[in-house]
Amino acid sequence: MKKAIFIGAIGCGKTTLIQRLDKLKITYNKTQTLEFYSNIIDTPGEYVEHRAMYSNLMTSAIDADVVVLMQSALDPRIVLPTGFSTMFTKPTVGIVTKIDIATPDQVGLVKDRLIDAGANKVFEVSAVTGKNVSEFTQYLQE
């Protein structure tokens, strides 16, 4: 299984998706520092929201096989700037989260933002309902 690093803004659903992937009870849990799961590195949202912390992301991604850029479909901001993924030497994919409570237009906008940031492939998932999570799991297992 690929080792992934999850990168995204505060509250975008990184930890919730990890809980779904690891078959843990889904509870809100604010990530305060790097957390390591079976094959996933969970990063605090502050690491992407404050440019001064980008070096933390670059260093943390060294042990990963794939960089996973995540953004909530409910967040229309440009969280990840154009070409963001170029700071990594790893393949980069994107995940649009919270699709169960978003409109198709919201999902499409965030998908475009992730592609602009450098995601080569984008998954659209709901960690709460489990929708499309199996597609992402399959990608990690390839």
Foldseek 3Di string as FASTA:
>chain_A
DFQEEEAAAFPQCQVLLVCLVVVHDRDDDQDDAWDDDDRYIYGHNVCQQDVVNVVVVQVVCPPGQEYEYEGELVDLDLSQAFCNCVSHPHQYAYEHEPPVPHDPVSSVSVNVSRVRNPHPYYFYAYSVVGPRSVVVVVVNVD
